[in-house]
């Protein structure tokens, strides 16, 4: 099996960065301030009403974060170590 990270500090920093970015994205989706603009159509984002544009932008952000996590092989290390 190949070694995933050469330095543990580098892997730990990437893992922390990915967790922070994911938490930030999920907090943006669940932002309660969005309720204040519930019946508004203006402003338009990407040619759509605000809520639709906001949801698509949050979705695109999370897709990018998950793609970054996939490319850095985040989570490929075994959670439980096997006894040998």
Protein backbone atom coordinates (compact mmCIF):
# COMPACT_ATOMS: atom_id res chain seq x y z
CA UNK A 1 0.00 0.00 0.00
CA UNK A 2 1.34 3.42 -0.92
CA UNK A 3 1.99 6.06 1.67
CA UNK A 4 -0.58 8.80 1.31
CA UNK A 5 1.25 11.65 3.04
CA UNK A 6 4.94 12.01 3.50
CA UNK A 7 4.62 14.36 6.44
CA UNK A 8 1.93 14.04 9.09
CA UNK A 9 1.81 17.79 9.71
CA UNK A 10 0.98 18.47 6.07
CA UNK A 11 -1.83 15.87 6.11
CA UNK A 12 -3.23 17.25 9.34
CA UNK A 13 -3.27 20.81 8.00
CA UNK A 14 -5.10 19.69 4.85
CA UNK A 15 -7.64 17.73 6.89
CA UNK A 16 -8.29 20.73 9.15
CA UNK A 17 -8.62 23.01 6.12
CA UNK A 18 -11.14 20.67 4.48
CA UNK A 19 -13.20 20.40 7.68
CA UNK A 20 -13.26 24.18 8.08
CA UNK A 21 -14.29 24.70 4.44
CA UNK A 22 -17.06 22.10 4.75
CA UNK A 23 -18.34 23.63 7.97
CA UNK A 24 -18.32 27.07 6.38
CA UNK A 25 -20.26 25.78 3.37
CA UNK A 26 -22.90 24.00 5.43
CA UNK A 27 -23.29 27.08 7.66
CA UNK A 28 -23.82 29.20 4.54
CA UNK A 29 -26.56 26.86 3.35
CA UNK A 30 -28.30 26.92 6.74
CA UNK A 31 -27.88 30.69 7.21
CA UNK A 32 -31.01 31.91 9.06
CA UNK A 33 -30.77 35.41 7.58
CA UNK A 34 -32.08 34.01 4.31
CA UNK A 35 -35.56 34.03 5.88
CA UNK A 36 -35.62 37.84 5.76
CA UNK A 37 -35.75 37.81 1.95
CA UNK A 38 -38.40 35.10 1.62
CA UNK A 39 -40.85 36.93 -0.66
CA UNK A 40 -38.37 38.93 -2.70
CA UNK A 41 -37.48 38.31 -6.28
CA UNK A 42 -34.84 41.04 -6.46
CA UNK A 43 -31.82 41.01 -6.56
CA UNK A 44 -31.18 38.50 -9.28
CA UNK A 45 -28.19 36.16 -9.07
CA UNK A 46 -27.18 34.41 -12.29
CA UNK A 47 -30.47 35.53 -13.86
CA UNK A 48 -32.56 33.75 -11.21
CA UNK A 49 -34.35 34.98 -8.09
CA UNK A 50 -32.10 35.50 -5.09
CA UNK A 51 -32.90 32.29 -3.18
CA UNK A 52 -32.33 30.05 -6.19
CA UNK A 53 -29.08 31.79 -7.09
CA UNK A 54 -27.86 31.67 -3.48
CA UNK A 55 -28.63 27.95 -3.20
CA UNK A 56 -26.83 27.18 -6.47
CA UNK A 57 -23.78 29.21 -5.42
CA UNK A 58 -23.61 27.35 -2.08
CA UNK A 59 -24.00 24.03 -3.88
CA UNK A 60 -21.20 24.90 -6.33
CA UNK A 61 -18.92 25.92 -3.44
CA UNK A 62 -19.49 22.59 -1.66
CA UNK A 63 -18.91 20.64 -4.87
CA UNK A 64 -15.55 22.40 -5.24
CA UNK A 65 -14.61 21.60 -1.63
CA UNK A 66 -15.55 17.93 -2.05
CA UNK A 67 -13.59 17.78 -5.30
CA UNK A 68 -10.54 19.24 -3.49
CA UNK A 69 -10.99 16.66 -0.71
CA UNK A 70 -11.23 13.86 -3.26
CA UNK A 71 -8.10 15.02 -5.12
CA UNK A 72 -6.07 15.20 -1.89
CA UNK A 73 -7.24 11.68 -0.94
CA UNK A 74 -8.83 12.99 2.24
CA UNK A 75 -10.22 10.19 4.38
CA UNK A 76 -8.32 7.34 2.71
CA UNK A 77 -6.39 6.49 5.85
CA UNK A 78 -7.85 3.78 8.04
CA UNK A 79 -9.79 5.11 11.01
CA UNK A 80 -9.04 2.05 13.10
CA UNK A 81 -5.58 0.54 12.98
CA UNK A 82 -5.46 -3.19 12.34
CA UNK A 83 -3.48 -5.37 14.71
CA UNK A 84 -0.69 -7.19 12.97
